[in-house]
Amino acid sequence: MSDVEFYLDLCRPLGGVTSKRMFGGLCLWHEGLAFALVIADTLYLKVDAENGPAFDERELPRFSYETKTGRTTVMSYARAPEVVFDDPDVFADWARGAIGAARRAAAAKPAPRKPRATRA
């Protein structure tokens, strides 16, 4: 079983999950919102102020990478606890929290601006 098949199978109870190869890894999407990354065989889930404390309590690191200029960028994804792989229901709970974080992030973004009409 490939990693894509493994994660899509794990996400099956959530419904509507798709995947796309990105960032040298895999990105998982639920209804058009990215909620998880798999980089170097490590699962990271979307975090925000609401679900982030559960990750912080377990001292789970945020996903970060170094840019070409040497600056470290920390993203709003944290390593998933190992327990998510022990029980599909536990995985679903953590994934739903990540999906909620993705929804809140999308809702906080301003609406796209309409293009200006051009004069002829």
PDB file of N, CA and C in Angstrom:
ATOM      1  N   MET A   1       0.853  -1.184   0.000  1.00  0.00           N
ATOM      2  CA  MET A   1       0.000   0.000   0.000  1.00  0.00           C
ATOM      3  C   MET A   1       0.891   1.236   0.000  1.00  0.00           C
ATOM      4  N   SER A   2       0.600   2.170  -0.876  1.00  0.00           N
ATOM      5  CA  SER A   2       1.388   3.402  -0.934  1.00  0.00           C
ATOM      6  C   SER A   2       1.004   4.328   0.209  1.00  0.00           C
ATOM      7  N   ASP A   3       1.824   5.345   0.424  1.00  0.00           N
ATOM      8  CA  ASP A   3       1.495   6.299   1.493  1.00  0.00           C
ATOM      9  C   ASP A   3       0.196   7.030   1.181  1.00  0.00           C
ATOM     10  N   VAL A   4      -0.057   7.316  -0.088  1.00  0.00           N
ATOM     11  CA  VAL A   4      -1.299   7.994  -0.469  1.00  0.00           C
ATOM     12  C   VAL A   4      -2.490   7.112  -0.101  1.00  0.00           C
ATOM     13  N   GLU A   5      -2.437   5.850  -0.488  1.00  0.00           N
ATOM     14  CA  GLU A   5      -3.526   4.925  -0.175  1.00  0.00           C
ATOM     15  C   GLU A   5      -3.708   4.775   1.333  1.00  0.00           C
ATOM     16  N   PHE A   6      -2.593   4.689   2.065  1.00  0.00           N
ATOM     17  CA  PHE A   6      -2.654   4.548   3.517  1.00  0.00           C
ATOM     18  C   PHE A   6      -3.408   5.715   4.149  1.00  0.00           C
ATOM     19  N   TYR A   7      -3.028   6.946   3.791  1.00  0.00           N
ATOM     20  CA  TYR A   7      -3.663   8.114   4.411  1.00  0.00           C
ATOM     21  C   TYR A   7      -5.102   8.305   3.943  1.00  0.00           C
ATOM     22  N   LEU A   8      -5.383   8.037   2.678  1.00  0.00           N
ATOM     23  CA  LEU A   8      -6.764   8.155   2.211  1.00  0.00           C
ATOM     24  C   LEU A   8      -7.646   7.115   2.895  1.00  0.00           C
ATOM     25  N   ASP A   9      -7.124   5.926   3.116  1.00  0.00           N
ATOM     26  CA  ASP A   9      -7.875   4.894   3.833  1.00  0.00           C
ATOM     27  C   ASP A   9      -8.112   5.322   5.283  1.00  0.00           C
ATOM     28  N   LEU A  10      -7.105   5.878   5.910  1.00  0.00           N
ATOM     29  CA  LEU A  10      -7.230   6.361   7.286  1.00  0.00           C
ATOM     30  C   LEU A  10      -8.285   7.466   7.377  1.00  0.00           C
ATOM     31  N   CYS A  11      -8.383   8.281   6.325  1.00  0.00           N
ATOM     32  CA  CYS A  11      -9.312   9.413   6.310  1.00  0.00           C
ATOM     33  C   CYS A  11     -10.712   9.056   5.816  1.00  0.00           C
ATOM     34  N   ARG A  12     -10.904   7.837   5.368  1.00  0.00           N
ATOM     35  CA  ARG A  12     -12.191   7.446   4.792  1.00  0.00           C
ATOM     36  C   ARG A  12     -13.394   7.822   5.673  1.00  0.00           C
ATOM     37  N   PRO A  13     -13.359   7.614   6.998  1.00  0.00           N
ATOM     38  CA  PRO A  13     -14.523   7.979   7.831  1.00  0.00           C
ATOM     39  C   PRO A  13     -14.850   9.478   7.809  1.00  0.00           C
ATOM     40  N   LEU A  14     -13.899  10.313   7.419  1.00  0.00           N
ATOM     41  CA  LEU A  14     -14.133  11.758   7.386  1.00  0.00           C
ATOM     42  C   LEU A  14     -14.934  12.160   6.155  1.00  0.00           C
ATOM     43  N   GLY A  15     -14.865  11.367   5.098  1.00  0.00           N
ATOM     44  CA  GLY A  15     -15.546  11.681   3.846  1.00  0.00           C
ATOM     45  C   GLY A  15     -14.949  12.888   3.153  1.00  0.00           C
ATOM     46  N   GLY A  16     -14.930  12.860   1.837  1.00  0.00           N
ATOM     47  CA  GLY A  16     -14.501  14.011   1.049  1.00  0.00           C
ATOM     48  C   GLY A  16     -13.034  14.373   1.129  1.00  0.00           C
ATOM     49  N   VAL A  17     -12.155  13.440   1.523  1.00  0.00           N
ATOM     50  CA  VAL A  17     -10.726  13.746   1.621  1.00  0.00           C
ATOM     51  C   VAL A  17     -10.031  13.376   0.311  1.00  0.00           C
ATOM     52  N   THR A  18      -9.235  14.305  -0.177  1.00  0.00           N
ATOM     53  CA  THR A  18      -8.427  14.084  -1.365  1.00  0.00           C
ATOM     54  C   THR A  18      -6.974  14.367  -1.015  1.00  0.00           C
ATOM     55  N   SER A  19      -6.087  13.996  -1.920  1.00  0.00           N
ATOM     56  CA  SER A  19      -4.669  14.228  -1.675  1.00  0.00           C
ATOM     57  C   SER A  19      -4.016  14.846  -2.891  1.00  0.00           C
ATOM     58  N   LYS A  20      -2.902  15.486  -2.639  1.00  0.00           N
ATOM     59  CA  LYS A  20      -2.112  16.097  -3.709  1.00  0.00           C
ATOM     60  C   LYS A  20      -0.662  16.105  -3.252  1.00  0.00           C
ATOM     61  N   ARG A  21       0.222  15.751  -4.146  1.00  0.00           N
ATOM     62  CA  ARG A  21       1.655  15.811  -3.838  1.00  0.00           C
ATOM     63  C   ARG A  21       2.069  17.277  -3.826  1.00  0.00           C
ATOM     64  N   MET A  22       2.656  17.699  -2.686  1.00  0.00           N
ATOM     65  CA  MET A  22       3.094  19.094  -2.528  1.00  0.00           C
ATOM     66  C   MET A  22       4.260  19.146  -1.560  1.00  0.00           C
ATOM     67  N   PHE A  23       5.090  20.154  -1.677  1.00  0.00           N
ATOM     68  CA  PHE A  23       6.175  20.417  -0.728  1.00  0.00           C
ATOM     69  C   PHE A  23       7.102  19.217  -0.564  1.00  0.00           C
ATOM     70  N   GLY A  24       7.238  18.415  -1.602  1.00  0.00           N
ATOM     71  CA  GLY A  24       8.065  17.220  -1.494  1.00  0.00           C
ATOM     72  C   GLY A  24       7.413  16.146  -0.655  1.00  0.00           C
ATOM     73  N   GLY A  25       6.118  16.283  -0.387  1.00  0.00           N
ATOM     74  CA  GLY A  25       5.387  15.315   0.412  1.00  0.00           C
ATOM     75  C   GLY A  25       3.970  15.191  -0.090  1.00  0.00           C
ATOM     76  N   LEU A  26       3.060  15.051   0.840  1.00  0.00           N
ATOM     77  CA  LEU A  26       1.658  14.834   0.525  1.00  0.00           C
ATOM     78  C   LEU A  26       0.821  15.826   1.328  1.00  0.00           C
ATOM     79  N   CYS A  27      -0.180  16.393   0.687  1.00  0.00           N
ATOM     80  CA  CYS A  27      -1.105  17.292   1.370  1.00  0.00           C
ATOM     81  C   CYS A  27      -2.485  16.647   1.323  1.00  0.00           C
ATOM     82  N   LEU A  28      -3.182  16.634   2.453  1.00  0.00           N
ATOM     83  CA  LEU A  28      -4.536  16.087   2.530  1.00  0.00           C
ATOM     84  C   LEU A  28      -5.532  17.239   2.617  1.00  0.00           C
ATOM     85  N   TRP A  29      -6.592  17.122   1.844  1.00  0.00           N
ATOM     86  CA  TRP A  29      -7.603  18.170   1.723  1.00  0.00           C
ATOM     87  C   TRP A  29      -8.962  17.608   2.094  1.00  0.00           C
ATOM     88  N   HIS A  30      -9.762  18.402   2.782  1.00  0.00           N
ATOM     89  CA  HIS A  30     -11.145  18.044   3.082  1.00  0.00           C
ATOM     90  C   HIS A  30     -12.017  19.168   2.559  1.00  0.00           C
ATOM     91  N   GLU A  31     -12.847  18.836   1.587  1.00  0.00           N
ATOM     92  CA  GLU A  31     -13.742  19.824   0.972  1.00  0.00           C
ATOM     93  C   GLU A  31     -12.992  21.079   0.547  1.00  0.00           C
ATOM     94  N   GLY A  32     -11.836  20.880  -0.074  1.00  0.00           N
ATOM     95  CA  GLY A  32     -11.071  21.992  -0.628  1.00  0.00           C
ATOM     96  C   GLY A  32     -10.168  22.721   0.340  1.00  0.00           C
ATOM     97  N   LEU A  33     -10.071  22.264   1.590  1.00  0.00           N
ATOM     98  CA  LEU A  33      -9.231  22.914   2.590  1.00  0.00           C
ATOM     99  C   LEU A  33      -8.112  21.977   3.027  1.00  0.00           C
ATOM    100  N   ALA A  34      -6.876  22.451   2.979  1.00  0.00           N
ATOM    101  CA  ALA A  34      -5.738  21.644   3.414  1.00  0.00           C
ATOM    102  C   ALA A  34      -5.770  21.530   4.930  1.00  0.00           C
ATOM    103  N   PHE A  35      -5.715  20.282   5.425  1.00  0.00           N
ATOM    104  CA  PHE A  35      -5.750  20.079   6.877  1.00  0.00           C
ATOM    105  C   PHE A  35      -4.597  19.226   7.385  1.00  0.00           C
ATOM    106  N   ALA A  36      -3.823  18.622   6.483  1.00  0.00           N
ATOM    107  CA  ALA A  36      -2.721  17.770   6.929  1.00  0.00           C
ATOM    108  C   ALA A  36      -1.620  17.727   5.883  1.00  0.00           C
ATOM    109  N   LEU A  37      -0.403  17.575   6.363  1.00  0.00           N
ATOM    110  CA  LEU A  37       0.775  17.391   5.513  1.00  0.00           C
ATOM    111  C   LEU A  37       1.475  16.122   5.958  1.00  0.00           C
ATOM    112  N   VAL A  38       2.024  15.415   5.003  1.00  0.00           N
ATOM    113  CA  VAL A  38       2.889  14.277   5.311  1.00  0.00           C
ATOM    114  C   VAL A  38       4.226  14.591   4.658  1.00  0.00           C
ATOM    115  N   ILE A  39       5.212  14.884   5.487  1.00  0.00           N
ATOM    116  CA  ILE A  39       6.547  15.246   5.020  1.00  0.00           C
ATOM    117  C   ILE A  39       7.538  14.290   5.665  1.00  0.00           C
ATOM    118  N   ALA A  40       8.372  13.674   4.849  1.00  0.00           N
ATOM    119  CA  ALA A  40       9.384  12.737   5.350  1.00  0.00           C
ATOM    120  C   ALA A  40       8.759  11.707   6.297  1.00  0.00           C
ATOM    121  N   ASP A  41       7.638  11.120   5.867  1.00  0.00           N
ATOM    122  CA  ASP A  41       6.940  10.086   6.635  1.00  0.00           C
ATOM    123  C   ASP A  41       6.413  10.565   7.985  1.00  0.00           C
ATOM    124  N   THR A  42       6.246  11.867   8.154  1.00  0.00           N
ATOM    125  CA  THR A  42       5.710  12.421   9.396  1.00  0.00           C
ATOM    126  C   THR A  42       4.415  13.157   9.084  1.00  0.00           C
ATOM    127  N   LEU A  43       3.364  12.852   9.850  1.00  0.00           N
ATOM    128  CA  LEU A  43       2.066  13.491   9.677  1.00  0.00           C
ATOM    129  C   LEU A  43       2.007  14.758  10.523  1.00  0.00           C
ATOM    130  N   TYR A  44       1.631  15.855   9.876  1.00  0.00           N
ATOM    131  CA  TYR A  44       1.410  17.131  10.551  1.00  0.00           C
ATOM    132  C   TYR A  44      -0.037  17.539  10.324  1.00  0.00           C
ATOM    133  N   LEU A  45      -0.699  18.011  11.371  1.00  0.00           N
ATOM    134  CA  LEU A  45      -2.086  18.441  11.295  1.00  0.00           C
ATOM    135  C   LEU A  45      -2.184  19.952  11.483  1.00  0.00           C
ATOM    136  N   LYS A  46      -3.150  20.561  10.816  1.00  0.00           N
ATOM    137  CA  LYS A  46      -3.377  22.008  10.891  1.00  0.00           C
ATOM    138  C   LYS A  46      -3.724  22.398  12.329  1.00  0.00           C
ATOM    139  N   VAL A  47      -3.104  23.465  12.813  1.00  0.00           N
ATOM    140  CA  VAL A  47      -3.362  23.940  14.176  1.00  0.00           C
ATOM    141  C   VAL A  47      -3.675  25.433  14.177  1.00  0.00           C
ATOM    142  N   ASP A  48      -4.393  25.831  15.208  1.00  0.00           N
ATOM    143  CA  ASP A  48      -4.669  27.244  15.451  1.00  0.00           C
ATOM    144  C   ASP A  48      -4.823  27.424  16.960  1.00  0.00           C
ATOM    145  N   ALA A  49      -5.320  28.564  17.377  1.00  0.00           N
ATOM    146  CA  ALA A  49      -5.447  28.844  18.808  1.00  0.00           C
ATOM    147  C   ALA A  49      -6.415  27.895  19.503  1.00  0.00           C
ATOM    148  N   GLU A  50      -7.366  27.348  18.775  1.00  0.00           N
ATOM    149  CA  GLU A  50      -8.368  26.474  19.400  1.00  0.00           C
ATOM    150  C   GLU A  50      -7.856  25.047  19.622  1.00  0.00           C
ATOM    151  N   ASN A  51      -7.230  24.447  18.622  1.00  0.00           N
ATOM    152  CA  ASN A  51      -6.775  23.062  18.800  1.00  0.00           C
ATOM    153  C   ASN A  51      -5.277  22.960  19.112  1.00  0.00           C
ATOM    154  N   GLY A  52      -4.544  24.047  18.962  1.00  0.00           N
ATOM    155  CA  GLY A  52      -3.103  24.041  19.206  1.00  0.00           C
ATOM    156  C   GLY A  52      -2.683  23.632  20.611  1.00  0.00           C
ATOM    157  N   PRO A  53      -3.422  24.035  21.666  1.00  0.00           N
ATOM    158  CA  PRO A  53      -3.009  23.649  23.019  1.00  0.00           C
ATOM    159  C   PRO A  53      -2.886  22.133  23.225  1.00  0.00           C
ATOM    160  N   ALA A  54      -3.701  21.335  22.557  1.00  0.00           N
ATOM    161  CA  ALA A  54      -3.601  19.881  22.695  1.00  0.00           C
ATOM    162  C   ALA A  54      -2.260  19.378  22.161  1.00  0.00           C
ATOM    163  N   PHE A  55      -1.745  20.029  21.123  1.00  0.00           N
ATOM    164  CA  PHE A  55      -0.436  19.678  20.578  1.00  0.00           C
ATOM    165  C   PHE A  55       0.671  20.190  21.504  1.00  0.00           C
ATOM    166  N   ASP A  56       0.484  21.409  22.003  1.00  0.00           N
ATOM    167  CA  ASP A  56       1.488  22.008  22.884  1.00  0.00           C
ATOM    168  C   ASP A  56       1.649  21.204  24.179  1.00  0.00           C
ATOM    169  N   GLU A  57       0.532  20.705  24.728  1.00  0.00           N
ATOM    170  CA  GLU A  57       0.590  19.899  25.951  1.00  0.00           C
ATOM    171  C   GLU A  57       1.457  18.659  25.766  1.00  0.00           C
ATOM    172  N   ARG A  58       1.474  18.151  24.544  1.00  0.00           N
ATOM    173  CA  ARG A  58       2.256  16.949  24.238  1.00  0.00           C
ATOM    174  C   ARG A  58       3.642  17.294  23.679  1.00  0.00           C
ATOM    175  N   GLU A  59       3.948  18.602  23.649  1.00  0.00           N
ATOM    176  CA  GLU A  59       5.228  19.109  23.147  1.00  0.00           C
ATOM    177  C   GLU A  59       5.520  18.621  21.723  1.00  0.00           C
ATOM    178  N   LEU A  60       4.470  18.662  20.885  1.00  0.00           N
ATOM    179  CA  LEU A  60       4.606  18.254  19.491  1.00  0.00           C
ATOM    180  C   LEU A  60       5.043  19.460  18.667  1.00  0.00           C
ATOM    181  N   PRO A  61       6.133  19.323  17.933  1.00  0.00           N
ATOM    182  CA  PRO A  61       6.691  20.469  17.215  1.00  0.00           C
ATOM    183  C   PRO A  61       5.861  20.884  16.004  1.00  0.00           C
ATOM    184  N   ARG A  62       5.956  22.149  15.693  1.00  0.00           N
ATOM    185  CA  ARG A  62       5.345  22.691  14.476  1.00  0.00           C
ATOM    186  C   ARG A  62       6.224  22.316  13.284  1.00  0.00           C
ATOM    187  N   PHE A  63       5.594  22.221  12.122  1.00  0.00           N
ATOM    188  CA  PHE A  63       6.354  21.970  10.902  1.00  0.00           C
ATOM    189  C   PHE A  63       7.092  23.251  10.537  1.00  0.00           C
ATOM    190  N   SER A  64       8.376  23.130  10.282  1.00  0.00           N
ATOM    191  CA  SER A  64       9.167  24.289   9.876  1.00  0.00           C
ATOM    192  C   SER A  64      10.143  23.867   8.790  1.00  0.00           C
ATOM    193  N   TYR A  65      10.602  24.837   8.057  1.00  0.00           N
ATOM    194  CA  TYR A  65      11.593  24.582   7.018  1.00  0.00           C
ATOM    195  C   TYR A  65      12.477  25.809   6.869  1.00  0.00           C
ATOM    196  N   GLU A  66      13.623  25.592   6.295  1.00  0.00           N
ATOM    197  CA  GLU A  66      14.560  26.682   6.081  1.00  0.00           C
ATOM    198  C   GLU A  66      14.454  27.157   4.636  1.00  0.00           C
ATOM    199  N   THR A  67      14.350  28.480   4.463  1.00  0.00           N
ATOM    200  CA  THR A  67      14.250  29.047   3.125  1.00  0.00           C
ATOM    201  C   THR A  67      15.636  29.115   2.480  1.00  0.00           C
ATOM    202  N   LYS A  68      15.653  29.461   1.215  1.00  0.00           N
ATOM    203  CA  LYS A  68      16.923  29.583   0.492  1.00  0.00           C
ATOM    204  C   LYS A  68      17.833  30.642   1.106  1.00  0.00           C
ATOM    205  N   THR A  69      17.223  31.623   1.782  1.00  0.00           N
ATOM    206  CA  THR A  69      18.017  32.689   2.397  1.00  0.00           C
ATOM    207  C   THR A  69      18.478  32.327   3.808  1.00  0.00           C
ATOM    208  N   GLY A  70      18.104  31.118   4.271  1.00  0.00           N
ATOM    209  CA  GLY A  70      18.535  30.674   5.589  1.00  0.00           C
ATOM    210  C   GLY A  70      17.575  31.000   6.718  1.00  0.00           C
ATOM    211  N   ARG A  71      16.465  31.623   6.393  1.00  0.00           N
ATOM    212  CA  ARG A  71      15.463  31.956   7.403  1.00  0.00           C
ATOM    213  C   ARG A  71      14.582  30.732   7.672  1.00  0.00           C
ATOM    214  N   THR A  72      14.218  30.495   8.923  1.00  0.00           N
ATOM    215  CA  THR A  72      13.333  29.384   9.267  1.00  0.00           C
ATOM    216  C   THR A  72      11.894  29.873   9.264  1.00  0.00           C
ATOM    217  N   THR A  73      11.054  29.147   8.553  1.00  0.00           N
ATOM    218  CA  THR A  73       9.636  29.451   8.489  1.00  0.00           C
ATOM    219  C   THR A  73       8.874  28.364   9.230  1.00  0.00           C
ATOM    220  N   VAL A  74       8.017  28.783  10.162  1.00  0.00           N
ATOM    221  CA  VAL A  74       7.200  27.850  10.931  1.00  0.00           C
ATOM    222  C   VAL A  74       5.769  27.958  10.415  1.00  0.00           C
ATOM    223  N   MET A  75       5.206  26.821  10.055  1.00  0.00           N
ATOM    224  CA  MET A  75       3.851  26.807   9.510  1.00  0.00           C
ATOM    225  C   MET A  75       2.838  26.424  10.587  1.00  0.00           C
ATOM    226  N   SER A  76       1.571  26.598  10.280  1.00  0.00           N
ATOM    227  CA  SER A  76       0.511  26.309  11.244  1.00  0.00           C
ATOM    228  C   SER A  76       0.079  24.831  11.169  1.00  0.00           C
ATOM    229  N   TYR A  77       1.073  23.965  11.212  1.00  0.00           N
ATOM    230  CA  TYR A  77       0.869  22.514  11.260  1.00  0.00           C
ATOM    231  C   TYR A  77       1.775  21.969  12.356  1.00  0.00           C
ATOM    232  N   ALA A  78       1.258  21.013  13.130  1.00  0.00           N
ATOM    233  CA  ALA A  78       2.054  20.392  14.187  1.00  0.00           C
ATOM    234  C   ALA A  78       2.081  18.882  13.975  1.00  0.00           C
ATOM    235  N   ARG A  79       3.174  18.278  14.411  1.00  0.00           N
ATOM    236  CA  ARG A  79       3.304  16.828  14.285  1.00  0.00           C
ATOM    237  C   ARG A  79       2.161  16.152  15.028  1.00  0.00           C
ATOM    238  N   ALA A  80       1.556  15.183  14.383  1.00  0.00           N
ATOM    239  CA  ALA A  80       0.456  14.438  15.007  1.00  0.00           C
ATOM    240  C   ALA A  80       1.013  13.513  16.079  1.00  0.00           C
ATOM    241  N   PRO A  81       0.267  13.321  17.163  1.00  0.00           N
ATOM    242  CA  PRO A  81       0.727  12.377  18.189  1.00  0.00           C
ATOM    243  C   PRO A  81       0.664  10.954  17.639  1.00  0.00           C
ATOM    244  N   GLU A  82       1.573  10.105  18.100  1.00  0.00           N
ATOM    245  CA  GLU A  82       1.627   8.720  17.622  1.00  0.00           C
ATOM    246  C   GLU A  82       0.321   7.979  17.875  1.00  0.00           C
ATOM    247  N   VAL A  83      -0.415   8.380  18.887  1.00  0.00           N
ATOM    248  CA  VAL A  83      -1.647   7.695  19.261  1.00  0.00           C
ATOM    249  C   VAL A  83      -2.678   7.706  18.123  1.00  0.00           C
ATOM    250  N   VAL A  84      -2.577   8.637  17.198  1.00  0.00           N
ATOM    251  CA  VAL A  84      -3.559   8.692  16.111  1.00  0.00           C
ATOM    252  C   VAL A  84      -3.485   7.454  15.219  1.00  0.00           C
ATOM    253  N   PHE A  85      -2.352   6.778  15.221  1.00  0.00           N
ATOM    254  CA  PHE A  85      -2.198   5.597  14.378  1.00  0.00           C
ATOM    255  C   PHE A  85      -2.656   4.319  15.079  1.00  0.00           C
ATOM    256  N   ASP A  86      -3.008   4.415  16.360  1.00  0.00           N
ATOM    257  CA  ASP A  86      -3.419   3.247  17.134  1.00  0.00           C
ATOM    258  C   ASP A  86      -4.910   2.945  17.031  1.00  0.00           C
ATOM    259  N   ASP A  87      -5.706   3.961  16.710  1.00  0.00           N
ATOM    260  CA  ASP A  87      -7.153   3.800  16.738  1.00  0.00           C
ATOM    261  C   ASP A  87      -7.776   4.741  15.704  1.00  0.00           C
ATOM    262  N   PRO A  88      -8.539   4.216  14.751  1.00  0.00           N
ATOM    263  CA  PRO A  88      -9.151   5.070  13.726  1.00  0.00           C
ATOM    264  C   PRO A  88     -10.043   6.168  14.305  1.00  0.00           C
ATOM    265  N   ASP A  89     -10.716   5.887  15.422  1.00  0.00           N
ATOM    266  CA  ASP A  89     -11.573   6.906  16.031  1.00  0.00           C
ATOM    267  C   ASP A  89     -10.743   8.049  16.613  1.00  0.00           C
ATOM    268  N   VAL A  90      -9.596   7.720  17.184  1.00  0.00           N
ATOM    269  CA  VAL A  90      -8.704   8.746  17.720  1.00  0.00           C
ATOM    270  C   VAL A  90      -8.161   9.593  16.566  1.00  0.00           C
ATOM    271  N   PHE A  91      -7.759   8.929  15.479  1.00  0.00           N
ATOM    272  CA  PHE A  91      -7.297   9.683  14.310  1.00  0.00           C
ATOM    273  C   PHE A  91      -8.391  10.633  13.842  1.00  0.00           C
ATOM    274  N   ALA A  92      -9.616  10.133  13.724  1.00  0.00           N
ATOM    275  CA  ALA A  92     -10.719  10.966  13.232  1.00  0.00           C
ATOM    276  C   ALA A  92     -10.935  12.185  14.123  1.00  0.00           C
ATOM    277  N   ASP A  93     -10.836  12.020  15.433  1.00  0.00           N
ATOM    278  CA  ASP A  93     -11.001  13.158  16.348  1.00  0.00           C
ATOM    279  C   ASP A  93      -9.935  14.228  16.107  1.00  0.00           C
ATOM    280  N   TRP A  94      -8.670  13.812  16.006  1.00  0.00           N
ATOM    281  CA  TRP A  94      -7.587  14.770  15.776  1.00  0.00           C
ATOM    282  C   TRP A  94      -7.715  15.404  14.393  1.00  0.00           C
ATOM    283  N   ALA A  95      -8.098  14.610  13.404  1.00  0.00           N
ATOM    284  CA  ALA A  95      -8.256  15.140  12.048  1.00  0.00           C
ATOM    285  C   ALA A  95      -9.406  16.142  11.988  1.00  0.00           C
ATOM    286  N   ARG A  96     -10.498  15.856  12.681  1.00  0.00           N
ATOM    287  CA  ARG A  96     -11.615  16.816  12.700  1.00  0.00           C
ATOM    288  C   ARG A  96     -11.189  18.137  13.335  1.00  0.00           C
ATOM    289  N   GLY A  97     -10.336  18.073  14.349  1.00  0.00           N
ATOM    290  CA  GLY A  97      -9.802  19.302  14.934  1.00  0.00           C
ATOM    291  C   GLY A  97      -8.982  20.080  13.923  1.00  0.00           C
ATOM    292  N   ALA A  98      -8.196  19.371  13.117  1.00  0.00           N
ATOM    293  CA  ALA A  98      -7.379  20.019  12.080  1.00  0.00           C
ATOM    294  C   ALA A  98      -8.265  20.601  10.985  1.00  0.00           C
ATOM    295  N   ILE A  99      -9.326  19.894  10.637  1.00  0.00           N
ATOM    296  CA  ILE A  99     -10.263  20.407   9.627  1.00  0.00           C
ATOM    297  C   ILE A  99     -10.944  21.668  10.159  1.00  0.00           C
ATOM    298  N   GLY A 100     -11.288  21.665  11.428  1.00  0.00           N
ATOM    299  CA  GLY A 100     -11.863  22.864  12.041  1.00  0.00           C
ATOM    300  C   GLY A 100     -10.898  24.039  11.975  1.00  0.00           C
ATOM    301  N   ALA A 101      -9.623  23.785  12.233  1.00  0.00           N
ATOM    302  CA  ALA A 101      -8.606  24.847  12.152  1.00  0.00           C
ATOM    303  C   ALA A 101      -8.502  25.364  10.721  1.00  0.00           C
ATOM    304  N   ALA A 102      -8.573  24.468   9.751  1.00  0.00           N
ATOM    305  CA  ALA A 102      -8.509  24.890   8.345  1.00  0.00           C
ATOM    306  C   ALA A 102      -9.727  25.737   7.983  1.00  0.00           C
ATOM    307  N   ARG A 103     -10.902  25.351   8.486  1.00  0.00           N
ATOM    308  CA  ARG A 103     -12.119  26.139   8.217  1.00  0.00           C
ATOM    309  C   ARG A 103     -12.033  27.523   8.849  1.00  0.00           C
ATOM    310  N   ARG A 104     -11.539  27.577  10.077  1.00  0.00           N
ATOM    311  CA  ARG A 104     -11.431  28.881  10.751  1.00  0.00           C
ATOM    312  C   ARG A 104     -10.421  29.781  10.024  1.00  0.00           C
ATOM    313  N   ALA A 105      -9.330  29.195   9.563  1.00  0.00           N
ATOM    314  CA  ALA A 105      -8.330  29.979   8.827  1.00  0.00           C
ATOM    315  C   ALA A 105      -8.924  30.514   7.527  1.00  0.00           C
ATOM    316  N   ALA A 106      -9.691  29.686   6.839  1.00  0.00           N
ATOM    317  CA  ALA A 106     -10.310  30.125   5.583  1.00  0.00           C
ATOM    318  C   ALA A 106     -11.341  31.220   5.833  1.00  0.00           C
ATOM    319  N   ALA A 107     -12.105  31.087   6.910  1.00  0.00           N
ATOM    320  CA  ALA A 107     -13.127  32.082   7.242  1.00  0.00           C
ATOM    321  C   ALA A 107     -12.513  33.419   7.630  1.00  0.00           C
ATOM    322  N   ALA A 108     -11.299  33.395   8.167  1.00  0.00           N
ATOM    323  CA  ALA A 108     -10.640  34.627   8.613  1.00  0.00           C
ATOM    324  C   ALA A 108     -10.022  35.406   7.461  1.00  0.00           C
ATOM    325  N   LYS A 109      -9.867  34.759   6.315  1.00  0.00           N
ATOM    326  CA  LYS A 109      -9.271  35.450   5.166  1.00  0.00           C
ATOM    327  C   LYS A 109     -10.284  36.406   4.564  1.00  0.00           C
ATOM    328  N   PRO A 110      -9.819  37.584   4.145  1.00  0.00           N
ATOM    329  CA  PRO A 110     -10.753  38.523   3.516  1.00  0.00           C
ATOM    330  C   PRO A 110     -11.243  37.965   2.181  1.00  0.00           C
ATOM    331  N   ALA A 111     -12.450  38.352   1.814  1.00  0.00           N
ATOM    332  CA  ALA A 111     -13.011  37.916   0.533  1.00  0.00           C
ATOM    333  C   ALA A 111     -12.158  38.464  -0.610  1.00  0.00           C
ATOM    334  N   PRO A 112     -12.025  37.709  -1.688  1.00  0.00           N
ATOM    335  CA  PRO A 112     -11.235  38.209  -2.815  1.00  0.00           C
ATOM    336  C   PRO A 112     -11.858  39.468  -3.394  1.00  0.00           C
ATOM    337  N   ARG A 113     -10.996  40.369  -3.805  1.00  0.00           N
ATOM    338  CA  ARG A 113     -11.493  41.624  -4.394  1.00  0.00           C
ATOM    339  C   ARG A 113     -11.952  41.372  -5.810  1.00  0.00           C
ATOM    340  N   LYS A 114     -12.995  42.090  -6.183  1.00  0.00           N
ATOM    341  CA  LYS A 114     -13.493  41.987  -7.555  1.00  0.00           C
ATOM    342  C   LYS A 114     -12.538  42.764  -8.456  1.00  0.00           C
ATOM    343  N   PRO A 115     -12.302  42.252  -9.641  1.00  0.00           N
ATOM    344  CA  PRO A 115     -11.426  43.000 -10.556  1.00  0.00           C
ATOM    345  C   PRO A 115     -12.080  44.312 -10.965  1.00  0.00           C
ATOM    346  N   ARG A 116     -11.265  45.309 -11.132  1.00  0.00           N
ATOM    347  CA  ARG A 116     -11.770  46.622 -11.563  1.00  0.00           C
ATOM    348  C   ARG A 116     -12.182  46.550 -13.023  1.00  0.00           C
ATOM    349  N   ALA A 117     -13.219  47.267 -13.330  1.00  0.00           N
ATOM    350  CA  ALA A 117     -13.640  47.357 -14.718  1.00  0.00           C
ATOM    351  C   ALA A 117     -12.630  48.255 -15.452  1.00  0.00           C
ATOM    352  N   THR A 118     -12.283  47.876 -16.646  1.00  0.00           N
ATOM    353  CA  THR A 118     -11.331  48.677 -17.433  1.00  0.00           C
ATOM    354  C   THR A 118     -12.104  49.589 -18.358  1.00  0.00           C
ATOM    355  N   ARG A 119     -11.537  50.736 -18.569  1.00  0.00           N
ATOM    356  CA  ARG A 119     -12.162  51.706 -19.484  1.00  0.00           C
ATOM    357  C   ARG A 119     -11.710  51.420 -20.901  1.00  0.00           C
ATOM    358  N   ALA A 120     -12.623  51.579 -21.805  1.00  0.00           N
ATOM    359  CA  ALA A 120     -12.305  51.346 -23.209  1.00  0.00           C
ATOM    360  C   ALA A 120     -11.863  52.605 -23.883  1.00  0.00           C
TER     361      ALA A 120
END
